[in-house]
Protein backbone atom coordinates (compact mmCIF):
# COMPACT_ATOMS: atom_id res chain seq x y z
CA MET A 1 -32.89 5.88 -19.36
CA ARG A 2 -29.87 7.51 -20.95
CA VAL A 3 -28.95 9.72 -17.95
CA PRO A 4 -28.65 6.83 -15.45
CA LEU A 5 -26.56 4.89 -17.97
CA VAL A 6 -24.22 7.83 -18.51
CA SER A 7 -23.91 8.50 -14.80
CA THR A 8 -23.28 4.81 -14.14
CA LEU A 9 -20.55 4.76 -16.78
CA LEU A 10 -18.96 7.92 -15.38
CA LEU A 11 -19.09 6.55 -11.85
CA SER A 12 -17.61 3.24 -12.99
CA CYS A 13 -14.88 5.07 -14.84
CA LEU A 14 -14.16 7.24 -11.81
CA LEU A 15 -13.97 4.29 -9.46
CA ALA A 16 -11.74 2.43 -11.91
CA GLY A 17 -9.24 5.28 -11.89
CA CYS A 18 -10.15 6.95 -15.16
CA ALA A 19 -9.40 10.37 -13.66
CA ALA A 20 -5.81 9.83 -14.70
CA ALA A 21 -6.99 8.63 -18.13
CA GLY A 22 -8.26 12.06 -19.18
CA LEU A 23 -11.54 12.77 -17.39
CA THR A 24 -12.03 16.52 -17.47
CA PRO A 25 -12.81 18.41 -14.25
CA GLU A 26 -16.34 18.99 -15.54
CA GLN A 27 -16.84 15.26 -16.14
CA ARG A 28 -15.47 14.45 -12.67
CA ARG A 29 -17.80 17.02 -11.13
CA ALA A 30 -20.79 15.60 -13.03
CA ALA A 31 -19.89 12.08 -11.90
CA ASP A 32 -19.52 13.30 -8.29
CA GLN A 33 -22.89 15.05 -8.48
CA GLN A 34 -24.55 11.91 -9.84
CA THR A 35 -22.93 9.88 -7.06
CA CYS A 36 -24.15 12.23 -4.33
CA MET A 37 -27.64 12.44 -5.85
CA GLY A 38 -27.59 8.63 -6.02
CA TYR A 39 -27.01 8.61 -2.26
CA GLY A 40 -30.20 10.68 -1.92
CA PHE A 41 -28.68 14.10 -1.24
CA GLN A 42 -30.44 17.07 -2.82
CA PRO A 43 -28.33 19.55 -4.81
CA GLY A 44 -27.89 22.78 -2.88
CA SER A 45 -28.18 21.15 0.53
CA GLU A 46 -25.40 21.08 3.12
CA SER A 47 -25.39 17.28 2.98
CA PHE A 48 -24.88 17.40 -0.78
CA ALA A 49 -21.98 19.85 -0.37
CA ASN A 50 -20.42 17.59 2.27
CA CYS A 51 -20.81 14.60 -0.02
CA MET A 52 -19.09 16.49 -2.85
CA MET A 53 -16.22 17.53 -0.56
CA GLN A 54 -15.77 14.01 0.81
CA THR A 55 -15.78 12.56 -2.71
CA ALA A 56 -13.10 15.02 -3.82
CA GLN A 57 -11.07 14.32 -0.68
CA ARG A 58 -11.24 10.56 -1.26
CA ARG A 59 -10.00 11.09 -4.82
CA GLN A 60 -7.11 13.24 -3.60
CA ASP A 61 -6.22 10.71 -0.90
CA ALA A 62 -6.26 7.88 -3.43
CA ALA A 63 -4.02 9.86 -5.80
CA GLN A 64 -1.60 10.57 -2.97
CA ARG A 65 -1.54 6.89 -1.93
CA ASN A 66 -0.92 5.94 -5.55
CA GLN A 67 2.00 8.37 -5.82
CA GLU A 68 3.48 7.09 -2.56
CA ALA A 69 3.13 3.49 -3.74
CA GLN A 70 4.89 4.34 -7.01
CA ARG A 71 7.71 6.09 -5.13
CA ASN A 72 8.07 3.11 -2.79
CA GLN A 73 8.16 0.72 -5.76
CA GLN A 74 10.82 2.83 -7.46
CA MET A 75 12.92 2.91 -4.27
CA GLN A 76 12.55 -0.85 -3.85
CA ASN A 77 13.57 -1.45 -7.48
CA GLU A 78 16.59 0.82 -7.05
CA TYR A 79 17.60 -1.01 -3.86
CA ILE A 80 17.29 -4.41 -5.55
CA ARG A 81 19.28 -3.16 -8.56
CA THR A 82 22.00 -1.74 -6.31
CA MET A 83 22.25 -4.95 -4.30
CA SER A 84 22.45 -7.07 -7.46
CA LEU A 85 25.26 -4.87 -8.77
CA ARG A 86 27.09 -5.03 -5.42
CA ARG A 87 26.91 -8.83 -5.52
CA SER A 88 28.61 -8.96 -8.94
CA GLY A 89 31.32 -11.60 -8.81
CA ASP A 90 30.10 -13.04 -5.48
CA LYS A 91 29.75 -16.77 -6.20
CA ARG A 92 27.35 -17.20 -3.26
CA TYR A 93 24.59 -15.70 -5.40
CA PRO A 94 23.33 -17.01 -8.73
CA VAL A 95 23.59 -14.74 -11.74
CA CYS A 96 20.34 -12.93 -12.53
CA SER A 97 18.79 -13.69 -15.90
CA ALA A 98 15.59 -13.04 -17.80
CA THR A 99 14.16 -16.26 -16.35
CA THR A 100 14.78 -15.21 -12.74
CA PRO A 101 11.41 -14.57 -11.06
CA GLY A 102 10.80 -10.84 -10.75
CA ALA A 103 13.85 -9.95 -12.83
CA ARG A 104 14.11 -6.54 -14.46
CA LEU A 105 16.54 -5.31 -17.07
CA ASP A 106 18.96 -2.55 -16.13
CA VAL A 107 19.48 -0.93 -19.53
CA GLN A 108 22.17 1.37 -18.20
CA ASN A 109 24.42 -1.54 -17.14
CA HIS A 110 23.03 -4.07 -19.64
CA SER A 111 22.33 -6.63 -16.93
CA TRP A 112 19.40 -8.27 -15.18
CA TYR A 113 18.64 -7.66 -11.51
CA ALA A 114 16.32 -9.31 -9.01
CA PRO A 115 16.19 -10.08 -5.29
CA GLY A 116 18.61 -12.77 -4.23
CA CYS A 117 20.88 -12.83 -7.26
CA ARG A 118 23.86 -10.96 -8.69
CA ALA A 119 24.16 -8.88 -11.83
CA ARG A 120 27.21 -10.77 -13.18
């Protein structure tokens, strides 16, 4: 009873993104093996090896997508910050504040920025 519970917890952790939270390579491999055995593949078979490779590839693809999403978010934040600073003094735009939806604090310039408003 303990082995299925452990493998279920490892699989849940893996699917929830715990790989970044400190899962060792051995723990990831054990979780992958449990997953592939759960699909009915026998260890040592070609199907099992393919399952292990596909699982690792899916993890790598997800990590890459996550990194790309973080880069895109950083670029978008930088663009919004730059536009807010460029609009400074332009009375057509309201001044950004902490209550502006989606506002972020630019600690370097000590001002708030958000889409559709100006820094000062």
